[in-house]
């Protein structure tokens, strides 16, 4: 689930193959401002699809001239990003 308050959004619960398409649609609908910060501190479980999701949101933001930032990536997600060599693409900050 994604909860947004203006330009700050929080993801809560798992981000896995079971729900990634739903989260993709929610994010596409809710991340409409010129700049959005996505807080992942509420994420409880991830798999490799979580990285794909963040990268797709980033591509969508770039296509639409928006800025997206990720905060509080879970350690497991950071490990996956390092394994796949995409850490710098997530732009955590």
PDB file of N, CA and C in Angstrom:
ATOM      1  N   UNK A   1       0.843  -1.175   0.000  1.00  0.00           N
ATOM      2  CA  UNK A   1       0.000   0.000   0.000  1.00  0.00           C
ATOM      3  C   UNK A   1       0.892   1.244   0.000  1.00  0.00           C
ATOM      4  N   UNK A   2       0.452   2.256  -0.708  1.00  0.00           N
ATOM      5  CA  UNK A   2       1.171   3.525  -0.767  1.00  0.00           C
ATOM      6  C   UNK A   2       0.278   4.606  -0.157  1.00  0.00           C
ATOM      7  N   UNK A   3       0.853   5.337   0.790  1.00  0.00           N
ATOM      8  CA  UNK A   3       0.144   6.442   1.426  1.00  0.00           C
ATOM      9  C   UNK A   3       0.923   7.711   1.130  1.00  0.00           C
ATOM     10  N   UNK A   4       0.253   8.711   0.557  1.00  0.00           N
ATOM     11  CA  UNK A   4       0.920   9.963   0.198  1.00  0.00           C
ATOM     12  C   UNK A   4       0.338  11.136   0.964  1.00  0.00           C
ATOM     13  N   UNK A   5       1.233  12.041   1.337  1.00  0.00           N
ATOM     14  CA  UNK A   5       0.872  13.316   1.930  1.00  0.00           C
ATOM     15  C   UNK A   5       1.655  14.366   1.159  1.00  0.00           C
ATOM     16  N   UNK A   6       0.984  14.973   0.201  1.00  0.00           N
ATOM     17  CA  UNK A   6       1.607  15.923  -0.727  1.00  0.00           C
ATOM     18  C   UNK A   6       2.716  15.236  -1.500  1.00  0.00           C
ATOM     19  N   UNK A   7       3.977  15.673  -1.349  1.00  0.00           N
ATOM     20  CA  UNK A   7       5.064  15.099  -2.138  1.00  0.00           C
ATOM     21  C   UNK A   7       5.863  14.042  -1.388  1.00  0.00           C
ATOM     22  N   UNK A   8       5.350  13.566  -0.263  1.00  0.00           N
ATOM     23  CA  UNK A   8       6.012  12.523   0.516  1.00  0.00           C
ATOM     24  C   UNK A   8       5.104  11.294   0.562  1.00  0.00           C
ATOM     25  N   UNK A   9       5.622  10.172   0.085  1.00  0.00           N
ATOM     26  CA  UNK A   9       4.831   8.939   0.051  1.00  0.00           C
ATOM     27  C   UNK A   9       5.558   7.844   0.811  1.00  0.00           C
ATOM     28  N   UNK A  10       4.792   6.992   1.454  1.00  0.00           N
ATOM     29  CA  UNK A  10       5.333   5.879   2.214  1.00  0.00           C
ATOM     30  C   UNK A  10       4.759   4.583   1.671  1.00  0.00           C
ATOM     31  N   UNK A  11       5.643   3.612   1.489  1.00  0.00           N
ATOM     32  CA  UNK A  11       5.198   2.277   1.090  1.00  0.00           C
ATOM     33  C   UNK A  11       5.155   1.427   2.350  1.00  0.00           C
ATOM     34  N   UNK A  12       4.038   0.724   2.524  1.00  0.00           N
ATOM     35  CA  UNK A  12       3.857  -0.115   3.701  1.00  0.00           C
ATOM     36  C   UNK A  12       3.564  -1.539   3.273  1.00  0.00           C
ATOM     37  N   UNK A  13       4.218  -2.490   3.934  1.00  0.00           N
ATOM     38  CA  UNK A  13       3.987  -3.904   3.652  1.00  0.00           C
ATOM     39  C   UNK A  13       5.009  -4.479   2.692  1.00  0.00           C
ATOM     40  N   UNK A  14       4.730  -5.661   2.166  1.00  0.00           N
ATOM     41  CA  UNK A  14       5.679  -6.318   1.264  1.00  0.00           C
ATOM     42  C   UNK A  14       5.703  -5.684  -0.123  1.00  0.00           C
ATOM     43  N   UNK A  15       6.844  -5.809  -0.781  1.00  0.00           N
ATOM     44  CA  UNK A  15       6.989  -5.417  -2.189  1.00  0.00           C
ATOM     45  C   UNK A  15       7.588  -6.643  -2.877  1.00  0.00           C
ATOM     46  N   UNK A  16       6.703  -7.482  -3.390  1.00  0.00           N
ATOM     47  CA  UNK A  16       7.115  -8.749  -3.991  1.00  0.00           C
ATOM     48  C   UNK A  16       6.345  -8.972  -5.293  1.00  0.00           C
ATOM     49  N   UNK A  17       6.654 -10.067  -5.945  1.00  0.00           N
ATOM     50  CA  UNK A  17       5.976 -10.405  -7.201  1.00  0.00           C
ATOM     51  C   UNK A  17       4.462 -10.491  -7.009  1.00  0.00           C
ATOM     52  N   UNK A  18       4.018 -10.790  -5.802  1.00  0.00           N
ATOM     53  CA  UNK A  18       2.584 -10.923  -5.540  1.00  0.00           C
ATOM     54  C   UNK A  18       1.821  -9.606  -5.653  1.00  0.00           C
ATOM     55  N   UNK A  19       2.496  -8.486  -5.395  1.00  0.00           N
ATOM     56  CA  UNK A  19       1.770  -7.202  -5.390  1.00  0.00           C
ATOM     57  C   UNK A  19       2.447  -6.092  -6.190  1.00  0.00           C
ATOM     58  N   UNK A  20       3.512  -6.406  -6.903  1.00  0.00           N
ATOM     59  CA  UNK A  20       4.276  -5.359  -7.581  1.00  0.00           C
ATOM     60  C   UNK A  20       3.460  -4.637  -8.655  1.00  0.00           C
ATOM     61  N   UNK A  21       2.599  -5.333  -9.359  1.00  0.00           N
ATOM     62  CA  UNK A  21       1.804  -4.660 -10.401  1.00  0.00           C
ATOM     63  C   UNK A  21       0.811  -3.678  -9.790  1.00  0.00           C
ATOM     64  N   UNK A  22       0.231  -4.048  -8.664  1.00  0.00           N
ATOM     65  CA  UNK A  22      -0.678  -3.143  -7.968  1.00  0.00           C
ATOM     66  C   UNK A  22       0.064  -1.905  -7.476  1.00  0.00           C
ATOM     67  N   UNK A  23       1.255  -2.103  -6.908  1.00  0.00           N
ATOM     68  CA  UNK A  23       2.051  -0.970  -6.430  1.00  0.00           C
ATOM     69  C   UNK A  23       2.493  -0.085  -7.586  1.00  0.00           C
ATOM     70  N   UNK A  24       2.838  -0.688  -8.714  1.00  0.00           N
ATOM     71  CA  UNK A  24       3.226   0.093  -9.898  1.00  0.00           C
ATOM     72  C   UNK A  24       2.083   1.014 -10.309  1.00  0.00           C
ATOM     73  N   UNK A  25       0.889   0.467 -10.362  1.00  0.00           N
ATOM     74  CA  UNK A  25      -0.272   1.273 -10.751  1.00  0.00           C
ATOM     75  C   UNK A  25      -0.559   2.365  -9.734  1.00  0.00           C
ATOM     76  N   UNK A  26      -0.474   2.031  -8.442  1.00  0.00           N
ATOM     77  CA  UNK A  26      -0.715   3.037  -7.399  1.00  0.00           C
ATOM     78  C   UNK A  26       0.290   4.179  -7.502  1.00  0.00           C
ATOM     79  N   UNK A  27       1.557   3.829  -7.662  1.00  0.00           N
ATOM     80  CA  UNK A  27       2.595   4.850  -7.760  1.00  0.00           C
ATOM     81  C   UNK A  27       2.418   5.728  -8.980  1.00  0.00           C
ATOM     82  N   UNK A  28       2.118   5.117 -10.103  1.00  0.00           N
ATOM     83  CA  UNK A  28       1.906   5.884 -11.329  1.00  0.00           C
ATOM     84  C   UNK A  28       0.762   6.881 -11.153  1.00  0.00           C
ATOM     85  N   UNK A  29      -0.262   6.471 -10.436  1.00  0.00           N
ATOM     86  CA  UNK A  29      -1.417   7.340 -10.198  1.00  0.00           C
ATOM     87  C   UNK A  29      -1.117   8.432  -9.176  1.00  0.00           C
ATOM     88  N   UNK A  30      -0.333   8.105  -8.151  1.00  0.00           N
ATOM     89  CA  UNK A  30      -0.134   9.048  -7.052  1.00  0.00           C
ATOM     90  C   UNK A  30       1.102   9.930  -7.182  1.00  0.00           C
ATOM     91  N   UNK A  31       2.110   9.504  -7.903  1.00  0.00           N
ATOM     92  CA  UNK A  31       3.351  10.281  -8.024  1.00  0.00           C
ATOM     93  C   UNK A  31       3.221  11.252  -9.191  1.00  0.00           C
ATOM     94  N   UNK A  32       2.459  12.313  -8.993  1.00  0.00           N
ATOM     95  CA  UNK A  32       2.189  13.237 -10.094  1.00  0.00           C
ATOM     96  C   UNK A  32       2.843  14.601  -9.938  1.00  0.00           C
ATOM     97  N   UNK A  33       3.358  14.902  -8.762  1.00  0.00           N
ATOM     98  CA  UNK A  33       3.978  16.200  -8.536  1.00  0.00           C
ATOM     99  C   UNK A  33       5.346  16.289  -9.186  1.00  0.00           C
ATOM    100  N   UNK A  34       5.928  17.477  -9.226  1.00  0.00           N
ATOM    101  CA  UNK A  34       7.235  17.652  -9.856  1.00  0.00           C
ATOM    102  C   UNK A  34       8.362  16.960  -9.089  1.00  0.00           C
ATOM    103  N   UNK A  35       8.145  16.724  -7.803  1.00  0.00           N
ATOM    104  CA  UNK A  35       9.151  16.052  -6.976  1.00  0.00           C
ATOM    105  C   UNK A  35       8.429  15.198  -5.948  1.00  0.00           C
ATOM    106  N   UNK A  36       8.845  13.967  -5.820  1.00  0.00           N
ATOM    107  CA  UNK A  36       8.250  13.070  -4.831  1.00  0.00           C
ATOM    108  C   UNK A  36       9.362  12.324  -4.095  1.00  0.00           C
ATOM    109  N   UNK A  37       9.152  12.154  -2.807  1.00  0.00           N
ATOM    110  CA  UNK A  37      10.047  11.358  -1.984  1.00  0.00           C
ATOM    111  C   UNK A  37       9.278  10.124  -1.544  1.00  0.00           C
ATOM    112  N   UNK A  38       9.863   8.961  -1.794  1.00  0.00           N
ATOM    113  CA  UNK A  38       9.232   7.697  -1.435  1.00  0.00           C
ATOM    114  C   UNK A  38      10.011   7.096  -0.272  1.00  0.00           C
ATOM    115  N   UNK A  39       9.334   6.958   0.851  1.00  0.00           N
ATOM    116  CA  UNK A  39       9.925   6.401   2.071  1.00  0.00           C
ATOM    117  C   UNK A  39       9.611   4.912   2.125  1.00  0.00           C
ATOM    118  N   UNK A  40      10.655   4.099   2.217  1.00  0.00           N
ATOM    119  CA  UNK A  40      10.479   2.652   2.222  1.00  0.00           C
ATOM    120  C   UNK A  40      10.654   2.045   3.613  1.00  0.00           C
ATOM    121  N   UNK A  41      10.586   2.864   4.645  1.00  0.00           N
ATOM    122  CA  UNK A  41      10.788   2.353   6.005  1.00  0.00           C
ATOM    123  C   UNK A  41       9.686   1.389   6.440  1.00  0.00           C
ATOM    124  N   UNK A  42       8.527   1.439   5.807  1.00  0.00           N
ATOM    125  CA  UNK A  42       7.428   0.546   6.162  1.00  0.00           C
ATOM    126  C   UNK A  42       7.399  -0.752   5.373  1.00  0.00           C
ATOM    127  N   UNK A  43       8.399  -0.970   4.511  1.00  0.00           N
ATOM    128  CA  UNK A  43       8.448  -2.189   3.707  1.00  0.00           C
ATOM    129  C   UNK A  43       8.874  -3.355   4.593  1.00  0.00           C
ATOM    130  N   UNK A  44       8.103  -4.440   4.521  1.00  0.00           N
ATOM    131  CA  UNK A  44       8.345  -5.585   5.397  1.00  0.00           C
ATOM    132  C   UNK A  44       9.045  -6.753   4.710  1.00  0.00           C
ATOM    133  N   UNK A  45       8.975  -6.813   3.386  1.00  0.00           N
ATOM    134  CA  UNK A  45       9.562  -7.924   2.636  1.00  0.00           C
ATOM    135  C   UNK A  45       9.813  -7.462   1.208  1.00  0.00           C
ATOM    136  N   UNK A  46      10.925  -7.909   0.617  1.00  0.00           N
ATOM    137  CA  UNK A  46      11.220  -7.573  -0.778  1.00  0.00           C
ATOM    138  C   UNK A  46      11.741  -8.792  -1.515  1.00  0.00           C
ATOM    139  N   UNK A  47      11.602  -8.746  -2.821  1.00  0.00           N
ATOM    140  CA  UNK A  47      12.307  -9.662  -3.705  1.00  0.00           C
ATOM    141  C   UNK A  47      12.839  -8.816  -4.862  1.00  0.00           C
ATOM    142  N   UNK A  48      13.391  -9.452  -5.867  1.00  0.00           N
ATOM    143  CA  UNK A  48      14.020  -8.672  -6.946  1.00  0.00           C
ATOM    144  C   UNK A  48      13.029  -7.794  -7.701  1.00  0.00           C
ATOM    145  N   UNK A  49      11.740  -8.106  -7.646  1.00  0.00           N
ATOM    146  CA  UNK A  49      10.770  -7.260  -8.332  1.00  0.00           C
ATOM    147  C   UNK A  49      10.680  -5.875  -7.686  1.00  0.00           C
ATOM    148  N   UNK A  50      11.055  -5.768  -6.419  1.00  0.00           N
ATOM    149  CA  UNK A  50      11.050  -4.467  -5.737  1.00  0.00           C
ATOM    150  C   UNK A  50      12.024  -3.511  -6.425  1.00  0.00           C
ATOM    151  N   UNK A  51      13.177  -4.014  -6.810  1.00  0.00           N
ATOM    152  CA  UNK A  51      14.136  -3.168  -7.537  1.00  0.00           C
ATOM    153  C   UNK A  51      13.570  -2.741  -8.882  1.00  0.00           C
ATOM    154  N   UNK A  52      12.952  -3.669  -9.569  1.00  0.00           N
ATOM    155  CA  UNK A  52      12.339  -3.345 -10.861  1.00  0.00           C
ATOM    156  C   UNK A  52      11.296  -2.255 -10.707  1.00  0.00           C
ATOM    157  N   UNK A  53      10.531  -2.327  -9.631  1.00  0.00           N
ATOM    158  CA  UNK A  53       9.501  -1.329  -9.368  1.00  0.00           C
ATOM    159  C   UNK A  53      10.109   0.059  -9.185  1.00  0.00           C
ATOM    160  N   UNK A  54      11.127   0.168  -8.350  1.00  0.00           N
ATOM    161  CA  UNK A  54      11.751   1.472  -8.109  1.00  0.00           C
ATOM    162  C   UNK A  54      12.385   2.029  -9.374  1.00  0.00           C
ATOM    163  N   UNK A  55      12.997   1.156 -10.152  1.00  0.00           N
ATOM    164  CA  UNK A  55      13.613   1.611 -11.399  1.00  0.00           C
ATOM    165  C   UNK A  55      12.559   2.055 -12.419  1.00  0.00           C
ATOM    166  N   UNK A  56      11.424   1.368 -12.463  1.00  0.00           N
ATOM    167  CA  UNK A  56      10.359   1.776 -13.381  1.00  0.00           C
ATOM    168  C   UNK A  56       9.770   3.117 -12.959  1.00  0.00           C
ATOM    169  N   UNK A  57       9.558   3.313 -11.657  1.00  0.00           N
ATOM    170  CA  UNK A  57       9.073   4.616 -11.190  1.00  0.00           C
ATOM    171  C   UNK A  57      10.068   5.708 -11.544  1.00  0.00           C
ATOM    172  N   UNK A  58      11.359   5.396 -11.459  1.00  0.00           N
ATOM    173  CA  UNK A  58      12.387   6.374 -11.815  1.00  0.00           C
ATOM    174  C   UNK A  58      12.320   6.702 -13.305  1.00  0.00           C
ATOM    175  N   UNK A  59      12.195   5.672 -14.152  1.00  0.00           N
ATOM    176  CA  UNK A  59      12.088   5.898 -15.603  1.00  0.00           C
ATOM    177  C   UNK A  59      10.857   6.742 -15.922  1.00  0.00           C
ATOM    178  N   UNK A  60       9.750   6.442 -15.274  1.00  0.00           N
ATOM    179  CA  UNK A  60       8.512   7.197 -15.491  1.00  0.00           C
ATOM    180  C   UNK A  60       8.695   8.660 -15.081  1.00  0.00           C
ATOM    181  N   UNK A  61       9.350   8.885 -13.963  1.00  0.00           N
ATOM    182  CA  UNK A  61       9.598  10.255 -13.502  1.00  0.00           C
ATOM    183  C   UNK A  61      10.449  11.010 -14.515  1.00  0.00           C
ATOM    184  N   UNK A  62      11.494  10.385 -15.003  1.00  0.00           N
ATOM    185  CA  UNK A  62      12.373  11.031 -15.989  1.00  0.00           C
ATOM    186  C   UNK A  62      11.599  11.353 -17.265  1.00  0.00           C
ATOM    187  N   UNK A  63      10.789  10.406 -17.732  1.00  0.00           N
ATOM    188  CA  UNK A  63       9.992  10.636 -18.946  1.00  0.00           C
ATOM    189  C   UNK A  63       9.067  11.834 -18.805  1.00  0.00           C
ATOM    190  N   UNK A  64       8.613  12.084 -17.574  1.00  0.00           N
ATOM    191  CA  UNK A  64       7.649  13.155 -17.336  1.00  0.00           C
ATOM    192  C   UNK A  64       8.270  14.401 -16.694  1.00  0.00           C
ATOM    193  N   UNK A  65       9.596  14.489 -16.705  1.00  0.00           N
ATOM    194  CA  UNK A  65      10.279  15.663 -16.172  1.00  0.00           C
ATOM    195  C   UNK A  65      10.113  15.844 -14.675  1.00  0.00           C
ATOM    196  N   UNK A  66       9.972  14.735 -13.957  1.00  0.00           N
ATOM    197  CA  UNK A  66       9.807  14.795 -12.502  1.00  0.00           C
ATOM    198  C   UNK A  66      11.057  14.272 -11.808  1.00  0.00           C
ATOM    199  N   UNK A  67      11.139  14.557 -10.528  1.00  0.00           N
ATOM    200  CA  UNK A  67      12.235  14.073  -9.701  1.00  0.00           C
ATOM    201  C   UNK A  67      11.666  13.114  -8.664  1.00  0.00           C
ATOM    202  N   UNK A  68      12.275  11.947  -8.516  1.00  0.00           N
ATOM    203  CA  UNK A  68      11.848  10.989  -7.494  1.00  0.00           C
ATOM    204  C   UNK A  68      13.054  10.587  -6.666  1.00  0.00           C
ATOM    205  N   UNK A  69      12.868  10.553  -5.373  1.00  0.00           N
ATOM    206  CA  UNK A  69      13.922  10.179  -4.429  1.00  0.00           C
ATOM    207  C   UNK A  69      13.408   9.050  -3.549  1.00  0.00           C
ATOM    208  N   UNK A  70      14.306   8.154  -3.178  1.00  0.00           N
ATOM    209  CA  UNK A  70      13.965   7.053  -2.286  1.00  0.00           C
ATOM    210  C   UNK A  70      14.707   7.214  -0.973  1.00  0.00           C
ATOM    211  N   UNK A  71      14.000   6.943   0.113  1.00  0.00           N
ATOM    212  CA  UNK A  71      14.600   7.030   1.452  1.00  0.00           C
ATOM    213  C   UNK A  71      14.329   5.757   2.222  1.00  0.00           C
ATOM    214  N   UNK A  72      15.235   5.453   3.112  1.00  0.00           N
ATOM    215  CA  UNK A  72      15.084   4.334   4.043  1.00  0.00           C
ATOM    216  C   UNK A  72      14.893   2.995   3.339  1.00  0.00           C
ATOM    217  N   UNK A  73      15.735   2.742   2.337  1.00  0.00           N
ATOM    218  CA  UNK A  73      15.684   1.445   1.676  1.00  0.00           C
ATOM    219  C   UNK A  73      16.035   0.360   2.690  1.00  0.00           C
ATOM    220  N   UNK A  74      15.259  -0.720   2.740  1.00  0.00           N
ATOM    221  CA  UNK A  74      15.583  -1.829   3.635  1.00  0.00           C
ATOM    222  C   UNK A  74      16.945  -2.425   3.266  1.00  0.00           C
ATOM    223  N   UNK A  75      17.621  -2.970   4.249  1.00  0.00           N
ATOM    224  CA  UNK A  75      18.946  -3.565   4.027  1.00  0.00           C
ATOM    225  C   UNK A  75      18.897  -4.636   2.946  1.00  0.00           C
ATOM    226  N   UNK A  76      17.833  -5.423   2.927  1.00  0.00           N
ATOM    227  CA  UNK A  76      17.723  -6.485   1.917  1.00  0.00           C
ATOM    228  C   UNK A  76      17.628  -5.903   0.511  1.00  0.00           C
ATOM    229  N   UNK A  77      16.983  -4.749   0.371  1.00  0.00           N
ATOM    230  CA  UNK A  77      16.884  -4.110  -0.931  1.00  0.00           C
ATOM    231  C   UNK A  77      18.230  -3.521  -1.337  1.00  0.00           C
ATOM    232  N   UNK A  78      18.936  -2.947  -0.395  1.00  0.00           N
ATOM    233  CA  UNK A  78      20.272  -2.424  -0.693  1.00  0.00           C
ATOM    234  C   UNK A  78      21.199  -3.552  -1.141  1.00  0.00           C
ATOM    235  N   UNK A  79      21.089  -4.716  -0.498  1.00  0.00           N
ATOM    236  CA  UNK A  79      21.917  -5.864  -0.879  1.00  0.00           C
ATOM    237  C   UNK A  79      21.599  -6.324  -2.303  1.00  0.00           C
ATOM    238  N   UNK A  80      20.312  -6.388  -2.627  1.00  0.00           N
ATOM    239  CA  UNK A  80      19.923  -6.771  -3.988  1.00  0.00           C
ATOM    240  C   UNK A  80      20.420  -5.752  -5.010  1.00  0.00           C
ATOM    241  N   UNK A  81      20.314  -4.480  -4.681  1.00  0.00           N
ATOM    242  CA  UNK A  81      20.778  -3.428  -5.594  1.00  0.00           C
ATOM    243  C   UNK A  81      22.279  -3.550  -5.841  1.00  0.00           C
ATOM    244  N   UNK A  82      23.025  -3.831  -4.789  1.00  0.00           N
ATOM    245  CA  UNK A  82      24.470  -4.004  -4.934  1.00  0.00           C
ATOM    246  C   UNK A  82      24.781  -5.242  -5.780  1.00  0.00           C
ATOM    247  N   UNK A  83      24.047  -6.323  -5.543  1.00  0.00           N
ATOM    248  CA  UNK A  83      24.247  -7.560  -6.290  1.00  0.00           C
ATOM    249  C   UNK A  83      24.016  -7.342  -7.783  1.00  0.00           C
ATOM    250  N   UNK A  84      22.991  -6.575  -8.141  1.00  0.00           N
ATOM    251  CA  UNK A  84      22.653  -6.327  -9.532  1.00  0.00           C
ATOM    252  C   UNK A  84      23.373  -5.110 -10.119  1.00  0.00           C
ATOM    253  N   UNK A  85      24.137  -4.405  -9.301  1.00  0.00           N
ATOM    254  CA  UNK A  85      24.900  -3.265  -9.795  1.00  0.00           C
ATOM    255  C   UNK A  85      24.065  -2.051 -10.135  1.00  0.00           C
ATOM    256  N   UNK A  86      22.961  -1.831  -9.410  1.00  0.00           N
ATOM    257  CA  UNK A  86      22.081  -0.702  -9.716  1.00  0.00           C
ATOM    258  C   UNK A  86      21.939   0.265  -8.549  1.00  0.00           C
ATOM    259  N   UNK A  87      22.815   0.173  -7.586  1.00  0.00           N
ATOM    260  CA  UNK A  87      22.713   1.021  -6.413  1.00  0.00           C
ATOM    261  C   UNK A  87      22.634   2.496  -6.773  1.00  0.00           C
ATOM    262  N   UNK A  88      23.505   2.953  -7.670  1.00  0.00           N
ATOM    263  CA  UNK A  88      23.534   4.370  -8.025  1.00  0.00           C
ATOM    264  C   UNK A  88      22.282   4.809  -8.767  1.00  0.00           C
ATOM    265  N   UNK A  89      21.569   3.899  -9.398  1.00  0.00           N
ATOM    266  CA  UNK A  89      20.355   4.237 -10.133  1.00  0.00           C
ATOM    267  C   UNK A  89      19.179   4.515  -9.203  1.00  0.00           C
ATOM    268  N   UNK A  90      19.260   4.030  -7.978  1.00  0.00           N
ATOM    269  CA  UNK A  90      18.148   4.249  -7.040  1.00  0.00           C
ATOM    270  C   UNK A  90      18.166   5.655  -6.466  1.00  0.00           C
ATOM    271  N   UNK A  91      19.314   6.299  -6.489  1.00  0.00           N
ATOM    272  CA  UNK A  91      19.378   7.696  -6.055  1.00  0.00           C
ATOM    273  C   UNK A  91      18.818   7.937  -4.677  1.00  0.00           C
ATOM    274  N   UNK A  92      19.174   7.065  -3.742  1.00  0.00           N
ATOM    275  CA  UNK A  92      18.665   7.245  -2.379  1.00  0.00           C
ATOM    276  C   UNK A  92      19.170   8.573  -1.841  1.00  0.00           C
ATOM    277  N   UNK A  93      18.263   9.317  -1.266  1.00  0.00           N
ATOM    278  CA  UNK A  93      18.675  10.606  -0.699  1.00  0.00           C
ATOM    279  C   UNK A  93      17.521  11.447  -0.293  1.00  0.00           C
TER     280      UNK A  93
END
